[in-house]
Amino acid sequence: LGMPPLLLPTLNSVGAEIGKPIAPQTASVGVSTSKFVRKEGDVIRHNMGWTFILLAYLIIIAIGFYLVEPSVMTLK
């Protein structure tokens, strides 16, 4: 693919953490002891906007980092 070898595992880890706030099982466990029981959809909808903001922020950081110092992502 012509990508630095460390980029894909890094993006995989970041993607897993970005998806955590909108994962149904996380919302279910998170609301199980609160007043939001049976309102997992509301919690996920609330988190969705923040998740997209965080995703955009991390994409900008990754692109900027790759453009400024691409040699860091190579195995030597």
Protein backbone atom coordinates (compact mmCIF):
# COMPACT_ATOMS: atom_id res chain seq x y z
CA LEU A 1 0.00 0.00 0.00
CA GLY A 2 3.00 2.29 0.24
CA MET A 3 2.23 3.25 3.82
CA PRO A 4 4.67 3.36 6.71
CA PRO A 5 4.64 -0.03 8.49
CA LEU A 6 3.76 1.42 11.90
CA LEU A 7 0.85 3.50 10.63
CA LEU A 8 -1.77 0.73 10.31
CA PRO A 9 -1.33 -0.76 13.81
CA THR A 10 -1.38 2.75 15.24
CA LEU A 11 -4.59 3.65 13.41
CA ASN A 12 -6.14 0.34 14.53
CA SER A 13 -5.48 1.17 18.19
CA VAL A 14 -6.75 4.73 17.80
CA GLY A 15 -9.88 3.53 16.00
CA ALA A 16 -10.67 1.06 18.76
CA GLU A 17 -10.49 3.78 21.39
CA ILE A 18 -12.47 6.27 19.31
CA GLY A 19 -15.31 3.76 18.94
CA LYS A 20 -15.47 2.96 22.63
CA PRO A 21 -17.86 5.81 23.67
CA ILE A 22 -20.43 4.77 21.06
CA ALA A 23 -20.18 1.00 21.51
CA PRO A 24 -23.52 -0.49 22.62
CA GLN A 25 -21.95 -2.81 25.20
CA THR A 26 -20.05 0.08 26.77
CA ALA A 27 -23.21 2.18 27.00
CA SER A 28 -25.13 -0.75 28.47
CA VAL A 29 -22.56 -1.35 31.19
CA GLY A 30 -22.16 2.37 31.82
CA VAL A 31 -25.84 3.06 32.44
CA SER A 32 -26.60 -0.15 34.34
CA THR A 33 -26.24 1.50 37.75
CA SER A 34 -27.56 4.96 36.93
CA LYS A 35 -30.86 6.67 36.26
CA PHE A 36 -30.31 6.16 32.50
CA VAL A 37 -31.19 2.45 32.50
CA ARG A 38 -32.99 1.56 29.24
CA LYS A 39 -31.80 4.85 27.71
CA GLU A 40 -28.61 3.57 26.10
CA GLY A 41 -29.62 5.12 22.77
CA ASP A 42 -29.77 8.57 24.33
CA VAL A 43 -26.32 8.11 25.83
CA ILE A 44 -24.86 6.91 22.52
CA ARG A 45 -26.48 9.81 20.62
CA HIS A 46 -25.02 12.26 23.12
CA ASN A 47 -21.56 10.72 22.74
CA MET A 48 -21.73 10.60 18.93
CA GLY A 49 -21.00 14.30 18.40
CA TRP A 50 -18.04 14.27 20.76
CA THR A 51 -16.72 11.13 19.12
CA PHE A 52 -16.73 12.76 15.68
CA ILE A 53 -15.02 15.86 17.06
CA LEU A 54 -12.32 13.73 18.67
CA LEU A 55 -11.94 11.68 15.49
CA ALA A 56 -11.45 14.82 13.37
CA TYR A 57 -8.93 16.15 15.88
CA LEU A 58 -6.90 12.93 15.82
CA ILE A 59 -6.99 12.75 12.01
CA ILE A 60 -5.60 16.29 11.82
CA ILE A 61 -2.85 15.39 14.30
CA ALA A 62 -1.96 12.20 12.39
CA ILE A 63 -1.80 13.95 9.01
CA GLY A 64 0.21 16.81 10.44
CA PHE A 65 2.60 14.44 12.17
CA TYR A 66 3.05 12.40 9.00
CA LEU A 67 3.70 15.52 6.89
CA VAL A 68 6.15 17.05 9.36
CA GLU A 69 8.11 13.95 10.39
CA PRO A 70 7.31 10.88 8.23
CA SER A 71 10.57 9.13 9.12
CA VAL A 72 9.31 8.43 12.65
CA MET A 73 6.81 5.91 11.24
CA THR A 74 9.45 3.69 9.62
CA LEU A 75 11.13 0.68 11.14
CA LYS A 76 14.90 1.01 11.30
